[in-house]
Amino acid sequence: MSQPYTLLHPLTLDAKGAALVGLQQDDRITEVTLRRAIGSDLKLIDRFRDKPIELTLNMIAKLSGIDLYVVEKFDAEDIGPLGDLAMASSPNGQSIGATA
């Protein structure tokens, strides 16, 4: 498991987001931890090969366990570093997900 990433811009949840992640409305997400990718996670690469932003958002959601609806609410300044963690490169240059 990777170290938690502290959001530069914590997200205050709306009612729908809170329900999706099992928290209360107006609770804040202040950090995100990504797990290591497994084979089934890598299918996202094929699915979103020509859509790099969608791939990044979906990989963050998949590896963090946070619903995509909520991930899409993260500030762009946090998406970049989270995407880097989620899309760490393999030796052949293909993105494979977070490492420990």
PDB file of N, CA and C in Angstrom:
ATOM      1  N   MET A   1       0.855  -1.177   0.000  1.00  0.00           N
ATOM      2  CA  MET A   1       0.000   0.000   0.000  1.00  0.00           C
ATOM      3  C   MET A   1       0.893   1.230   0.000  1.00  0.00           C
ATOM      4  N   SER A   2       0.496   2.232  -0.751  1.00  0.00           N
ATOM      5  CA  SER A   2       1.289   3.446  -0.832  1.00  0.00           C
ATOM      6  C   SER A   2       0.980   4.376   0.342  1.00  0.00           C
ATOM      7  N   GLN A   3       1.800   5.383   0.482  1.00  0.00           N
ATOM      8  CA  GLN A   3       1.577   6.400   1.494  1.00  0.00           C
ATOM      9  C   GLN A   3       0.341   7.215   1.112  1.00  0.00           C
ATOM     10  N   PRO A   4      -0.386   7.704   2.097  1.00  0.00           N
ATOM     11  CA  PRO A   4      -1.520   8.564   1.771  1.00  0.00           C
ATOM     12  C   PRO A   4      -1.045   9.843   1.085  1.00  0.00           C
ATOM     13  N   TYR A   5      -1.807  10.295   0.114  1.00  0.00           N
ATOM     14  CA  TYR A   5      -1.564  11.570  -0.548  1.00  0.00           C
ATOM     15  C   TYR A   5      -2.495  12.580   0.110  1.00  0.00           C
ATOM     16  N   THR A   6      -1.938  13.654   0.649  1.00  0.00           N
ATOM     17  CA  THR A   6      -2.741  14.708   1.261  1.00  0.00           C
ATOM     18  C   THR A   6      -3.200  15.669   0.177  1.00  0.00           C
ATOM     19  N   LEU A   7      -4.511  15.819   0.058  1.00  0.00           N
ATOM     20  CA  LEU A   7      -5.069  16.711  -0.954  1.00  0.00           C
ATOM     21  C   LEU A   7      -4.658  18.150  -0.687  1.00  0.00           C
ATOM     22  N   LEU A   8      -4.231  18.833  -1.725  1.00  0.00           N
ATOM     23  CA  LEU A   8      -3.913  20.258  -1.622  1.00  0.00           C
ATOM     24  C   LEU A   8      -5.187  21.069  -1.413  1.00  0.00           C
ATOM     25  N   HIS A   9      -6.280  20.533  -1.952  1.00  0.00           N
ATOM     26  CA  HIS A   9      -7.590  21.187  -1.865  1.00  0.00           C
ATOM     27  C   HIS A   9      -8.598  20.145  -1.358  1.00  0.00           C
ATOM     28  N   PRO A  10      -8.726  19.994  -0.023  1.00  0.00           N
ATOM     29  CA  PRO A  10      -9.683  19.014   0.506  1.00  0.00           C
ATOM     30  C   PRO A  10     -11.072  19.226  -0.088  1.00  0.00           C
ATOM     31  N   LEU A  11     -11.762  18.115  -0.265  1.00  0.00           N
ATOM     32  CA  LEU A  11     -13.078  18.135  -0.900  1.00  0.00           C
ATOM     33  C   LEU A  11     -14.168  18.020   0.153  1.00  0.00           C
ATOM     34  N   THR A  12     -15.062  18.987   0.167  1.00  0.00           N
ATOM     35  CA  THR A  12     -16.244  18.915   1.019  1.00  0.00           C
ATOM     36  C   THR A  12     -17.336  18.217   0.229  1.00  0.00           C
ATOM     37  N   LEU A  13     -17.872  17.158   0.797  1.00  0.00           N
ATOM     38  CA  LEU A  13     -18.817  16.313   0.080  1.00  0.00           C
ATOM     39  C   LEU A  13     -20.217  16.897   0.042  1.00  0.00           C
ATOM     40  N   ASP A  14     -20.847  16.773  -1.140  1.00  0.00           N
ATOM     41  CA  ASP A  14     -22.266  17.084  -1.249  1.00  0.00           C
ATOM     42  C   ASP A  14     -23.035  15.835  -0.807  1.00  0.00           C
ATOM     43  N   ALA A  15     -24.349  15.909  -0.787  1.00  0.00           N
ATOM     44  CA  ALA A  15     -25.169  14.792  -0.297  1.00  0.00           C
ATOM     45  C   ALA A  15     -24.935  13.518  -1.101  1.00  0.00           C
ATOM     46  N   LYS A  16     -24.888  13.630  -2.429  1.00  0.00           N
ATOM     47  CA  LYS A  16     -24.695  12.444  -3.270  1.00  0.00           C
ATOM     48  C   LYS A  16     -23.318  11.842  -3.038  1.00  0.00           C
ATOM     49  N   GLY A  17     -22.276  12.664  -3.022  1.00  0.00           N
ATOM     50  CA  GLY A  17     -20.919  12.170  -2.798  1.00  0.00           C
ATOM     51  C   GLY A  17     -20.773  11.513  -1.446  1.00  0.00           C
ATOM     52  N   ALA A  18     -21.363  12.117  -0.431  1.00  0.00           N
ATOM     53  CA  ALA A  18     -21.294  11.551   0.915  1.00  0.00           C
ATOM     54  C   ALA A  18     -21.949  10.173   0.957  1.00  0.00           C
ATOM     55  N   ALA A  19     -23.088  10.030   0.321  1.00  0.00           N
ATOM     56  CA  ALA A  19     -23.780   8.742   0.298  1.00  0.00           C
ATOM     57  C   ALA A  19     -22.954   7.685  -0.420  1.00  0.00           C
ATOM     58  N   LEU A  20     -22.258   8.079  -1.487  1.00  0.00           N
ATOM     59  CA  LEU A  20     -21.469   7.128  -2.267  1.00  0.00           C
ATOM     60  C   LEU A  20     -20.243   6.611  -1.521  1.00  0.00           C
ATOM     61  N   VAL A  21     -19.690   7.420  -0.634  1.00  0.00           N
ATOM     62  CA  VAL A  21     -18.487   6.995   0.095  1.00  0.00           C
ATOM     63  C   VAL A  21     -18.767   6.665   1.553  1.00  0.00           C
ATOM     64  N   GLY A  22     -20.023   6.701   1.947  1.00  0.00           N
ATOM     65  CA  GLY A  22     -20.392   6.300   3.303  1.00  0.00           C
ATOM     66  C   GLY A  22     -20.051   7.325   4.368  1.00  0.00           C
ATOM     67  N   LEU A  23     -20.051   8.582   4.006  1.00  0.00           N
ATOM     68  CA  LEU A  23     -19.800   9.654   4.967  1.00  0.00           C
ATOM     69  C   LEU A  23     -21.024  10.548   5.049  1.00  0.00           C
ATOM     70  N   GLN A  24     -20.917  11.611   5.811  1.00  0.00           N
ATOM     71  CA  GLN A  24     -22.006  12.557   5.969  1.00  0.00           C
ATOM     72  C   GLN A  24     -21.812  13.750   5.043  1.00  0.00           C
ATOM     73  N   GLN A  25     -22.920  14.361   4.637  1.00  0.00           N
ATOM     74  CA  GLN A  25     -22.824  15.582   3.842  1.00  0.00           C
ATOM     75  C   GLN A  25     -21.991  16.596   4.614  1.00  0.00           C
ATOM     76  N   ASP A  26     -21.173  17.331   3.923  1.00  0.00           N
ATOM     77  CA  ASP A  26     -20.263  18.344   4.450  1.00  0.00           C
ATOM     78  C   ASP A  26     -19.025  17.761   5.120  1.00  0.00           C
ATOM     79  N   ASP A  27     -18.892  16.419   5.198  1.00  0.00           N
ATOM     80  CA  ASP A  27     -17.618  15.830   5.620  1.00  0.00           C
ATOM     81  C   ASP A  27     -16.594  16.161   4.551  1.00  0.00           C
ATOM     82  N   ARG A  28     -15.322  16.152   4.950  1.00  0.00           N
ATOM     83  CA  ARG A  28     -14.261  16.496   4.012  1.00  0.00           C
ATOM     84  C   ARG A  28     -13.346  15.298   3.772  1.00  0.00           C
ATOM     85  N   ILE A  29     -12.932  15.127   2.537  1.00  0.00           N
ATOM     86  CA  ILE A  29     -11.892  14.172   2.201  1.00  0.00           C
ATOM     87  C   ILE A  29     -10.601  14.975   2.153  1.00  0.00           C
ATOM     88  N   THR A  30      -9.637  14.589   2.982  1.00  0.00           N
ATOM     89  CA  THR A  30      -8.387  15.336   3.075  1.00  0.00           C
ATOM     90  C   THR A  30      -7.194  14.550   2.538  1.00  0.00           C
ATOM     91  N   GLU A  31      -7.345  13.229   2.423  1.00  0.00           N
ATOM     92  CA  GLU A  31      -6.256  12.431   1.878  1.00  0.00           C
ATOM     93  C   GLU A  31      -6.801  11.224   1.133  1.00  0.00           C
ATOM     94  N   VAL A  32      -5.974  10.694   0.241  1.00  0.00           N
ATOM     95  CA  VAL A  32      -6.345   9.565  -0.600  1.00  0.00           C
ATOM     96  C   VAL A  32      -5.182   8.581  -0.591  1.00  0.00           C
ATOM     97  N   THR A  33      -5.487   7.312  -0.399  1.00  0.00           N
ATOM     98  CA  THR A  33      -4.475   6.262  -0.465  1.00  0.00           C
ATOM     99  C   THR A  33      -4.819   5.334  -1.624  1.00  0.00           C
ATOM    100  N   LEU A  34      -3.840   5.084  -2.474  1.00  0.00           N
ATOM    101  CA  LEU A  34      -4.023   4.184  -3.610  1.00  0.00           C
ATOM    102  C   LEU A  34      -3.382   2.844  -3.301  1.00  0.00           C
ATOM    103  N   ARG A  35      -4.075   1.762  -3.637  1.00  0.00           N
ATOM    104  CA  ARG A  35      -3.502   0.422  -3.498  1.00  0.00           C
ATOM    105  C   ARG A  35      -2.729   0.077  -4.761  1.00  0.00           C
ATOM    106  N   ARG A  36      -1.961  -0.998  -4.697  1.00  0.00           N
ATOM    107  CA  ARG A  36      -1.262  -1.483  -5.887  1.00  0.00           C
ATOM    108  C   ARG A  36      -2.277  -1.990  -6.901  1.00  0.00           C
ATOM    109  N   ALA A  37      -1.986  -1.761  -8.163  1.00  0.00           N
ATOM    110  CA  ALA A  37      -2.857  -2.253  -9.236  1.00  0.00           C
ATOM    111  C   ALA A  37      -2.705  -3.765  -9.372  1.00  0.00           C
ATOM    112  N   ILE A  38      -3.795  -4.411  -9.748  1.00  0.00           N
ATOM    113  CA  ILE A  38      -3.782  -5.834 -10.079  1.00  0.00           C
ATOM    114  C   ILE A  38      -4.216  -5.985 -11.539  1.00  0.00           C
ATOM    115  N   GLY A  39      -4.122  -7.184 -12.057  1.00  0.00           N
ATOM    116  CA  GLY A  39      -4.414  -7.424 -13.468  1.00  0.00           C
ATOM    117  C   GLY A  39      -5.739  -6.885 -13.934  1.00  0.00           C
ATOM    118  N   SER A  40      -6.787  -7.096 -13.162  1.00  0.00           N
ATOM    119  CA  SER A  40      -8.103  -6.628 -13.608  1.00  0.00           C
ATOM    120  C   SER A  40      -8.168  -5.105 -13.686  1.00  0.00           C
ATOM    121  N   ASP A  41      -7.368  -4.410 -12.890  1.00  0.00           N
ATOM    122  CA  ASP A  41      -7.330  -2.947 -12.966  1.00  0.00           C
ATOM    123  C   ASP A  41      -6.764  -2.484 -14.307  1.00  0.00           C
ATOM    124  N   LEU A  42      -5.847  -3.258 -14.838  1.00  0.00           N
ATOM    125  CA  LEU A  42      -5.156  -2.864 -16.068  1.00  0.00           C
ATOM    126  C   LEU A  42      -6.071  -2.866 -17.291  1.00  0.00           C
ATOM    127  N   LYS A  43      -7.214  -3.514 -17.193  1.00  0.00           N
ATOM    128  CA  LYS A  43      -8.176  -3.491 -18.293  1.00  0.00           C
ATOM    129  C   LYS A  43      -8.640  -2.074 -18.599  1.00  0.00           C
ATOM    130  N   LEU A  44      -8.546  -1.197 -17.602  1.00  0.00           N
ATOM    131  CA  LEU A  44      -8.925   0.198 -17.831  1.00  0.00           C
ATOM    132  C   LEU A  44      -8.046   0.843 -18.898  1.00  0.00           C
ATOM    133  N   ILE A  45      -6.801   0.401 -18.996  1.00  0.00           N
ATOM    134  CA  ILE A  45      -5.891   0.965 -19.992  1.00  0.00           C
ATOM    135  C   ILE A  45      -6.435   0.718 -21.395  1.00  0.00           C
ATOM    136  N   ASP A  46      -6.894  -0.514 -21.660  1.00  0.00           N
ATOM    137  CA  ASP A  46      -7.481  -0.813 -22.971  1.00  0.00           C
ATOM    138  C   ASP A  46      -8.783  -0.060 -23.185  1.00  0.00           C
ATOM    139  N   ARG A  47      -9.597   0.008 -22.138  1.00  0.00           N
ATOM    140  CA  ARG A  47     -10.916   0.622 -22.249  1.00  0.00           C
ATOM    141  C   ARG A  47     -10.829   2.120 -22.555  1.00  0.00           C
ATOM    142  N   PHE A  48      -9.840   2.793 -21.963  1.00  0.00           N
ATOM    143  CA  PHE A  48      -9.740   4.244 -22.111  1.00  0.00           C
ATOM    144  C   PHE A  48      -8.441   4.674 -22.798  1.00  0.00           C
ATOM    145  N   ARG A  49      -7.902   3.810 -23.638  1.00  0.00           N
ATOM    146  CA  ARG A  49      -6.610   4.067 -24.283  1.00  0.00           C
ATOM    147  C   ARG A  49      -6.531   5.436 -24.963  1.00  0.00           C
ATOM    148  N   ASP A  50      -7.576   5.862 -25.630  1.00  0.00           N
ATOM    149  CA  ASP A  50      -7.568   7.125 -26.352  1.00  0.00           C
ATOM    150  C   ASP A  50      -8.195   8.272 -25.559  1.00  0.00           C
ATOM    151  N   LYS A  51      -8.404   8.058 -24.271  1.00  0.00           N
ATOM    152  CA  LYS A  51      -9.007   9.079 -23.405  1.00  0.00           C
ATOM    153  C   LYS A  51      -8.169   9.180 -22.130  1.00  0.00           C
ATOM    154  N   PRO A  52      -7.023   9.866 -22.188  1.00  0.00           N
ATOM    155  CA  PRO A  52      -6.100   9.853 -21.051  1.00  0.00           C
ATOM    156  C   PRO A  52      -6.674  10.441 -19.763  1.00  0.00           C
ATOM    157  N   ILE A  53      -7.520  11.435 -19.848  1.00  0.00           N
ATOM    158  CA  ILE A  53      -8.094  12.005 -18.624  1.00  0.00           C
ATOM    159  C   ILE A  53      -9.081  11.019 -18.008  1.00  0.00           C
ATOM    160  N   GLU A  54      -9.922  10.422 -18.836  1.00  0.00           N
ATOM    161  CA  GLU A  54     -10.867   9.419 -18.324  1.00  0.00           C
ATOM    162  C   GLU A  54     -10.123   8.231 -17.712  1.00  0.00           C
ATOM    163  N   LEU A  55      -9.046   7.816 -18.367  1.00  0.00           N
ATOM    164  CA  LEU A  55      -8.232   6.719 -17.835  1.00  0.00           C
ATOM    165  C   LEU A  55      -7.689   7.082 -16.463  1.00  0.00           C
ATOM    166  N   THR A  56      -7.121   8.270 -16.343  1.00  0.00           N
ATOM    167  CA  THR A  56      -6.542   8.697 -15.070  1.00  0.00           C
ATOM    168  C   THR A  56      -7.592   8.769 -13.976  1.00  0.00           C
ATOM    169  N   LEU A  57      -8.724   9.397 -14.252  1.00  0.00           N
ATOM    170  CA  LEU A  57      -9.785   9.510 -13.246  1.00  0.00           C
ATOM    171  C   LEU A  57     -10.312   8.140 -12.836  1.00  0.00           C
ATOM    172  N   ASN A  58     -10.527   7.264 -13.811  1.00  0.00           N
ATOM    173  CA  ASN A  58     -11.025   5.919 -13.503  1.00  0.00           C
ATOM    174  C   ASN A  58     -10.006   5.097 -12.734  1.00  0.00           C
ATOM    175  N   MET A  59      -8.719   5.246 -13.053  1.00  0.00           N
ATOM    176  CA  MET A  59      -7.689   4.505 -12.321  1.00  0.00           C
ATOM    177  C   MET A  59      -7.572   5.008 -10.886  1.00  0.00           C
ATOM    178  N   ILE A  60      -7.665   6.321 -10.687  1.00  0.00           N
ATOM    179  CA  ILE A  60      -7.661   6.860  -9.316  1.00  0.00           C
ATOM    180  C   ILE A  60      -8.842   6.296  -8.535  1.00  0.00           C
ATOM    181  N   ALA A  61     -10.020   6.301  -9.144  1.00  0.00           N
ATOM    182  CA  ALA A  61     -11.212   5.771  -8.476  1.00  0.00           C
ATOM    183  C   ALA A  61     -11.030   4.294  -8.140  1.00  0.00           C
ATOM    184  N   LYS A  62     -10.569   3.524  -9.102  1.00  0.00           N
ATOM    185  CA  LYS A  62     -10.419   2.075  -8.909  1.00  0.00           C
ATOM    186  C   LYS A  62      -9.404   1.763  -7.812  1.00  0.00           C
ATOM    187  N   LEU A  63      -8.259   2.436  -7.832  1.00  0.00           N
ATOM    188  CA  LEU A  63      -7.188   2.116  -6.881  1.00  0.00           C
ATOM    189  C   LEU A  63      -7.411   2.723  -5.502  1.00  0.00           C
ATOM    190  N   SER A  64      -8.255   3.750  -5.419  1.00  0.00           N
ATOM    191  CA  SER A  64      -8.531   4.362  -4.116  1.00  0.00           C
ATOM    192  C   SER A  64      -9.787   3.800  -3.465  1.00  0.00           C
ATOM    193  N   GLY A  65     -10.667   3.204  -4.284  1.00  0.00           N
ATOM    194  CA  GLY A  65     -11.943   2.728  -3.753  1.00  0.00           C
ATOM    195  C   GLY A  65     -12.951   3.856  -3.558  1.00  0.00           C
ATOM    196  N   ILE A  66     -12.637   5.025  -4.090  1.00  0.00           N
ATOM    197  CA  ILE A  66     -13.541   6.175  -3.993  1.00  0.00           C
ATOM    198  C   ILE A  66     -14.351   6.247  -5.283  1.00  0.00           C
ATOM    199  N   ASP A  67     -15.649   6.406  -5.158  1.00  0.00           N
ATOM    200  CA  ASP A  67     -16.527   6.432  -6.327  1.00  0.00           C
ATOM    201  C   ASP A  67     -16.074   7.488  -7.334  1.00  0.00           C
ATOM    202  N   LEU A  68     -16.194   7.159  -8.616  1.00  0.00           N
ATOM    203  CA  LEU A  68     -15.785   8.057  -9.691  1.00  0.00           C
ATOM    204  C   LEU A  68     -16.470   9.419  -9.585  1.00  0.00           C
ATOM    205  N   TYR A  69     -17.726   9.448  -9.177  1.00  0.00           N
ATOM    206  CA  TYR A  69     -18.447  10.719  -9.006  1.00  0.00           C
ATOM    207  C   TYR A  69     -17.667  11.650  -8.088  1.00  0.00           C
ATOM    208  N   VAL A  70     -17.112  11.098  -7.011  1.00  0.00           N
ATOM    209  CA  VAL A  70     -16.359  11.902  -6.040  1.00  0.00           C
ATOM    210  C   VAL A  70     -14.993  12.271  -6.608  1.00  0.00           C
ATOM    211  N   VAL A  71     -14.303  11.314  -7.221  1.00  0.00           N
ATOM    212  CA  VAL A  71     -12.985  11.590  -7.806  1.00  0.00           C
ATOM    213  C   VAL A  71     -13.079  12.725  -8.815  1.00  0.00           C
ATOM    214  N   GLU A  72     -14.142  12.763  -9.591  1.00  0.00           N
ATOM    215  CA  GLU A  72     -14.318  13.824 -10.589  1.00  0.00           C
ATOM    216  C   GLU A  72     -14.494  15.199  -9.948  1.00  0.00           C
ATOM    217  N   LYS A  73     -14.742  15.251  -8.652  1.00  0.00           N
ATOM    218  CA  LYS A  73     -14.879  16.523  -7.928  1.00  0.00           C
ATOM    219  C   LYS A  73     -13.543  17.015  -7.373  1.00  0.00           C
ATOM    220  N   PHE A  74     -12.492  16.166  -7.397  1.00  0.00           N
ATOM    221  CA  PHE A  74     -11.189  16.592  -6.900  1.00  0.00           C
ATOM    222  C   PHE A  74     -10.673  17.758  -7.736  1.00  0.00           C
ATOM    223  N   ASP A  75      -9.941  18.650  -7.107  1.00  0.00           N
ATOM    224  CA  ASP A  75      -9.333  19.776  -7.792  1.00  0.00           C
ATOM    225  C   ASP A  75      -8.283  19.275  -8.784  1.00  0.00           C
ATOM    226  N   ALA A  76      -8.164  19.975  -9.910  1.00  0.00           N
ATOM    227  CA  ALA A  76      -7.200  19.587 -10.936  1.00  0.00           C
ATOM    228  C   ALA A  76      -5.775  19.557 -10.395  1.00  0.00           C
ATOM    229  N   GLU A  77      -5.478  20.410  -9.428  1.00  0.00           N
ATOM    230  CA  GLU A  77      -4.145  20.435  -8.832  1.00  0.00           C
ATOM    231  C   GLU A  77      -3.845  19.162  -8.040  1.00  0.00           C
ATOM    232  N   ASP A  78      -4.877  18.450  -7.627  1.00  0.00           N
ATOM    233  CA  ASP A  78      -4.698  17.158  -6.952  1.00  0.00           C
ATOM    234  C   ASP A  78      -4.760  15.994  -7.931  1.00  0.00           C
ATOM    235  N   ILE A  79      -5.513  16.151  -9.019  1.00  0.00           N
ATOM    236  CA  ILE A  79      -5.613  15.073 -10.009  1.00  0.00           C
ATOM    237  C   ILE A  79      -4.248  14.756 -10.598  1.00  0.00           C
ATOM    238  N   GLY A  80      -3.444  15.782 -10.873  1.00  0.00           N
ATOM    239  CA  GLY A  80      -2.121  15.560 -11.461  1.00  0.00           C
ATOM    240  C   GLY A  80      -1.253  14.629 -10.634  1.00  0.00           C
ATOM    241  N   PRO A  81      -0.975  14.963  -9.374  1.00  0.00           N
ATOM    242  CA  PRO A  81      -0.143  14.078  -8.552  1.00  0.00           C
ATOM    243  C   PRO A  81      -0.785  12.705  -8.298  1.00  0.00           C
ATOM    244  N   LEU A  82      -2.099  12.674  -8.088  1.00  0.00           N
ATOM    245  CA  LEU A  82      -2.770  11.381  -7.906  1.00  0.00           C
ATOM    246  C   LEU A  82      -2.666  10.541  -9.172  1.00  0.00           C
ATOM    247  N   GLY A  83      -2.818  11.189 -10.317  1.00  0.00           N
ATOM    248  CA  GLY A  83      -2.673  10.477 -11.585  1.00  0.00           C
ATOM    249  C   GLY A  83      -1.279   9.914 -11.750  1.00  0.00           C
ATOM    250  N   ASP A  84      -0.262  10.692 -11.365  1.00  0.00           N
ATOM    251  CA  ASP A  84       1.116  10.199 -11.431  1.00  0.00           C
ATOM    252  C   ASP A  84       1.288   8.955 -10.576  1.00  0.00           C
ATOM    253  N   LEU A  85       0.701   8.964  -9.389  1.00  0.00           N
ATOM    254  CA  LEU A  85       0.790   7.791  -8.514  1.00  0.00           C
ATOM    255  C   LEU A  85       0.033   6.603  -9.094  1.00  0.00           C
ATOM    256  N   ALA A  86      -1.151   6.867  -9.620  1.00  0.00           N
ATOM    257  CA  ALA A  86      -1.988   5.789 -10.153  1.00  0.00           C
ATOM    258  C   ALA A  86      -1.440   5.218 -11.449  1.00  0.00           C
ATOM    259  N   MET A  87      -0.744   6.045 -12.220  1.00  0.00           N
ATOM    260  CA  MET A  87      -0.302   5.628 -13.547  1.00  0.00           C
ATOM    261  C   MET A  87       1.214   5.473 -13.633  1.00  0.00           C
ATOM    262  N   ALA A  88       1.825   4.976 -12.579  1.00  0.00           N
ATOM    263  CA  ALA A  88       3.277   4.762 -12.594  1.00  0.00           C
ATOM    264  C   ALA A  88       3.633   3.870 -13.784  1.00  0.00           C
ATOM    265  N   SER A  89       4.745   4.138 -14.439  1.00  0.00           N
ATOM    266  CA  SER A  89       5.109   3.429 -15.677  1.00  0.00           C
ATOM    267  C   SER A  89       5.827   2.117 -15.426  1.00  0.00           C
ATOM    268  N   SER A  90       5.555   1.159 -16.294  1.00  0.00           N
ATOM    269  CA  SER A  90       6.255  -0.123 -16.291  1.00  0.00           C
ATOM    270  C   SER A  90       7.530   0.018 -17.122  1.00  0.00           C
ATOM    271  N   PRO A  91       8.400  -1.003 -17.135  1.00  0.00           N
ATOM    272  CA  PRO A  91       9.630  -0.904 -17.920  1.00  0.00           C
ATOM    273  C   PRO A  91       9.407  -0.614 -19.396  1.00  0.00           C
ATOM    274  N   ASN A  92       8.300  -1.062 -19.974  1.00  0.00           N
ATOM    275  CA  ASN A  92       8.063  -0.803 -21.403  1.00  0.00           C
ATOM    276  C   ASN A  92       7.311   0.500 -21.649  1.00  0.00           C
ATOM    277  N   GLY A  93       7.094   1.273 -20.568  1.00  0.00           N
ATOM    278  CA  GLY A  93       6.447   2.565 -20.714  1.00  0.00           C
ATOM    279  C   GLY A  93       4.944   2.552 -20.592  1.00  0.00           C
ATOM    280  N   GLN A  94       4.328   1.375 -20.485  1.00  0.00           N
ATOM    281  CA  GLN A  94       2.878   1.285 -20.332  1.00  0.00           C
ATOM    282  C   GLN A  94       2.511   1.554 -18.880  1.00  0.00           C
ATOM    283  N   SER A  95       1.514   2.379 -18.656  1.00  0.00           N
ATOM    284  CA  SER A  95       1.087   2.684 -17.306  1.00  0.00           C
ATOM    285  C   SER A  95       0.506   1.443 -16.636  1.00  0.00           C
ATOM    286  N   ILE A  96       0.868   1.248 -15.347  1.00  0.00           N
ATOM    287  CA  ILE A  96       0.408   0.042 -14.661  1.00  0.00           C
ATOM    288  C   ILE A  96      -0.211   0.286 -13.301  1.00  0.00           C
ATOM    289  N   GLY A  97      -0.126   1.454 -12.735  1.00  0.00           N
ATOM    290  CA  GLY A  97      -0.725   1.721 -11.440  1.00  0.00           C
ATOM    291  C   GLY A  97       0.304   1.931 -10.355  1.00  0.00           C
ATOM    292  N   ALA A  98      -0.180   2.184  -9.145  1.00  0.00           N
ATOM    293  CA  ALA A  98       0.678   2.541  -8.019  1.00  0.00           C
ATOM    294  C   ALA A  98       1.561   1.403  -7.570  1.00  0.00           C
ATOM    295  N   THR A  99       2.690   1.754  -7.021  1.00  0.00           N
ATOM    296  CA  THR A  99       3.595   0.770  -6.441  1.00  0.00           C
ATOM    297  C   THR A  99       3.758   1.055  -4.975  1.00  0.00           C
ATOM    298  N   ALA A 100       4.191   0.053  -4.233  1.00  0.00           N
ATOM    299  CA  ALA A 100       4.338   0.220  -2.783  1.00  0.00           C
ATOM    300  C   ALA A 100       5.525   1.071  -2.434  1.00  0.00           C
TER     301      ALA A 100
END
